[in-house]
């Protein structure tokens, strides 16, 4: 076998491309989500209280917020 012989090539390969546009989009998308996890020994917080807190503290309108309670 010689250098460049197709037999020596991996069956699968990956390519990663990054651009300034992709970096900007990443920054934008990561600013759209928030995960709040309260410790196990904390009292439960109602969904409406969480929505009001995000509106009060961060000016996130309730219509732009989705809060899901995990049981």
C-alpha atoms as a PDB file:
ATOM      1  CA  UNK A   1       0.000   0.000   0.000  1.00  0.00           C
ATOM      2  CA  UNK A   2       1.176   3.499  -0.754  1.00  0.00           C
ATOM      3  CA  UNK A   3       0.365   6.892   0.756  1.00  0.00           C
ATOM      4  CA  UNK A   4      -3.140   7.968  -0.333  1.00  0.00           C
ATOM      5  CA  UNK A   5      -4.302   4.429  -1.090  1.00  0.00           C
ATOM      6  CA  UNK A   6      -8.111   4.332  -0.527  1.00  0.00           C
ATOM      7  CA  UNK A   7      -7.737   1.087   1.423  1.00  0.00           C
ATOM      8  CA  UNK A   8      -5.836   2.959   4.160  1.00  0.00           C
ATOM      9  CA  UNK A   9      -8.530   5.622   4.552  1.00  0.00           C
ATOM     10  CA  UNK A  10     -10.998   5.410   7.436  1.00  0.00           C
ATOM     11  CA  UNK A  11     -14.500   4.182   6.610  1.00  0.00           C
ATOM     12  CA  UNK A  12     -15.991   7.283   8.188  1.00  0.00           C
ATOM     13  CA  UNK A  13     -14.642  10.780   8.728  1.00  0.00           C
ATOM     14  CA  UNK A  14     -15.935  14.079  10.080  1.00  0.00           C
ATOM     15  CA  UNK A  15     -15.342  17.704   9.188  1.00  0.00           C
ATOM     16  CA  UNK A  16     -16.131  20.680  11.389  1.00  0.00           C
ATOM     17  CA  UNK A  17     -16.500  24.117   9.881  1.00  0.00           C
ATOM     18  CA  UNK A  18     -16.884  27.302  11.893  1.00  0.00           C
ATOM     19  CA  UNK A  19     -17.536  30.820  10.731  1.00  0.00           C
ATOM     20  CA  UNK A  20     -18.253  34.160  12.328  1.00  0.00           C
ATOM     21  CA  UNK A  21     -21.918  33.774  11.345  1.00  0.00           C
ATOM     22  CA  UNK A  22     -22.071  30.402  13.108  1.00  0.00           C
ATOM     23  CA  UNK A  23     -20.405  31.853  16.213  1.00  0.00           C
ATOM     24  CA  UNK A  24     -22.938  34.697  16.290  1.00  0.00           C
ATOM     25  CA  UNK A  25     -25.825  32.255  15.891  1.00  0.00           C
ATOM     26  CA  UNK A  26     -24.432  30.084  18.688  1.00  0.00           C
ATOM     27  CA  UNK A  27     -24.226  33.096  20.997  1.00  0.00           C
ATOM     28  CA  UNK A  28     -27.798  34.055  20.070  1.00  0.00           C
ATOM     29  CA  UNK A  29     -29.217  30.561  20.591  1.00  0.00           C
ATOM     30  CA  UNK A  30     -27.477  30.013  23.907  1.00  0.00           C
ATOM     31  CA  UNK A  31     -29.030  33.227  25.180  1.00  0.00           C
ATOM     32  CA  UNK A  32     -32.531  31.850  24.556  1.00  0.00           C
ATOM     33  CA  UNK A  33     -32.644  29.082  27.132  1.00  0.00           C
ATOM     34  CA  UNK A  34     -32.471  28.942  30.890  1.00  0.00           C
ATOM     35  CA  UNK A  35     -32.475  25.850  33.044  1.00  0.00           C
ATOM     36  CA  UNK A  36     -33.434  26.323  36.670  1.00  0.00           C
ATOM     37  CA  UNK A  37     -32.895  23.415  38.985  1.00  0.00           C
ATOM     38  CA  UNK A  38     -33.780  23.800  42.621  1.00  0.00           C
ATOM     39  CA  UNK A  39     -31.991  21.559  45.096  1.00  0.00           C
ATOM     40  CA  UNK A  40     -33.803  18.530  46.451  1.00  0.00           C
ATOM     41  CA  UNK A  41     -34.251  19.983  49.942  1.00  0.00           C
ATOM     42  CA  UNK A  42     -35.892  23.177  48.694  1.00  0.00           C
ATOM     43  CA  UNK A  43     -39.639  23.808  48.839  1.00  0.00           C
ATOM     44  CA  UNK A  44     -41.560  23.408  45.586  1.00  0.00           C
ATOM     45  CA  UNK A  45     -42.141  26.574  43.583  1.00  0.00           C
ATOM     46  CA  UNK A  46     -45.345  26.955  41.594  1.00  0.00           C
ATOM     47  CA  UNK A  47     -45.007  27.525  37.845  1.00  0.00           C
ATOM     48  CA  UNK A  48     -46.839  30.871  38.011  1.00  0.00           C
ATOM     49  CA  UNK A  49     -44.397  32.098  40.682  1.00  0.00           C
ATOM     50  CA  UNK A  50     -41.449  31.143  38.454  1.00  0.00           C
ATOM     51  CA  UNK A  51     -42.991  32.932  35.453  1.00  0.00           C
ATOM     52  CA  UNK A  52     -43.585  36.074  37.525  1.00  0.00           C
ATOM     53  CA  UNK A  53     -40.009  35.982  38.836  1.00  0.00           C
ATOM     54  CA  UNK A  54     -38.552  35.836  35.321  1.00  0.00           C
ATOM     55  CA  UNK A  55     -40.789  38.711  34.252  1.00  0.00           C
ATOM     56  CA  UNK A  56     -39.867  40.807  37.308  1.00  0.00           C
ATOM     57  CA  UNK A  57     -36.130  40.098  37.316  1.00  0.00           C
ATOM     58  CA  UNK A  58     -35.343  39.797  33.589  1.00  0.00           C
ATOM     59  CA  UNK A  59     -38.320  41.453  31.800  1.00  0.00           C
ATOM     60  CA  UNK A  60     -39.122  38.197  30.017  1.00  0.00           C
ATOM     61  CA  UNK A  61     -42.752  38.379  28.984  1.00  0.00           C
ATOM     62  CA  UNK A  62     -44.833  35.371  30.036  1.00  0.00           C
ATOM     63  CA  UNK A  63     -45.848  34.771  26.401  1.00  0.00           C
ATOM     64  CA  UNK A  64     -42.137  34.291  25.562  1.00  0.00           C
ATOM     65  CA  UNK A  65     -41.527  31.866  28.400  1.00  0.00           C
ATOM     66  CA  UNK A  66     -42.251  28.197  28.769  1.00  0.00           C
ATOM     67  CA  UNK A  67     -41.957  26.775  32.265  1.00  0.00           C
ATOM     68  CA  UNK A  68     -42.194  23.033  32.743  1.00  0.00           C
ATOM     69  CA  UNK A  69     -42.468  21.444  36.140  1.00  0.00           C
ATOM     70  CA  UNK A  70     -40.701  18.150  36.539  1.00  0.00           C
ATOM     71  CA  UNK A  71     -42.460  15.739  38.851  1.00  0.00           C
END
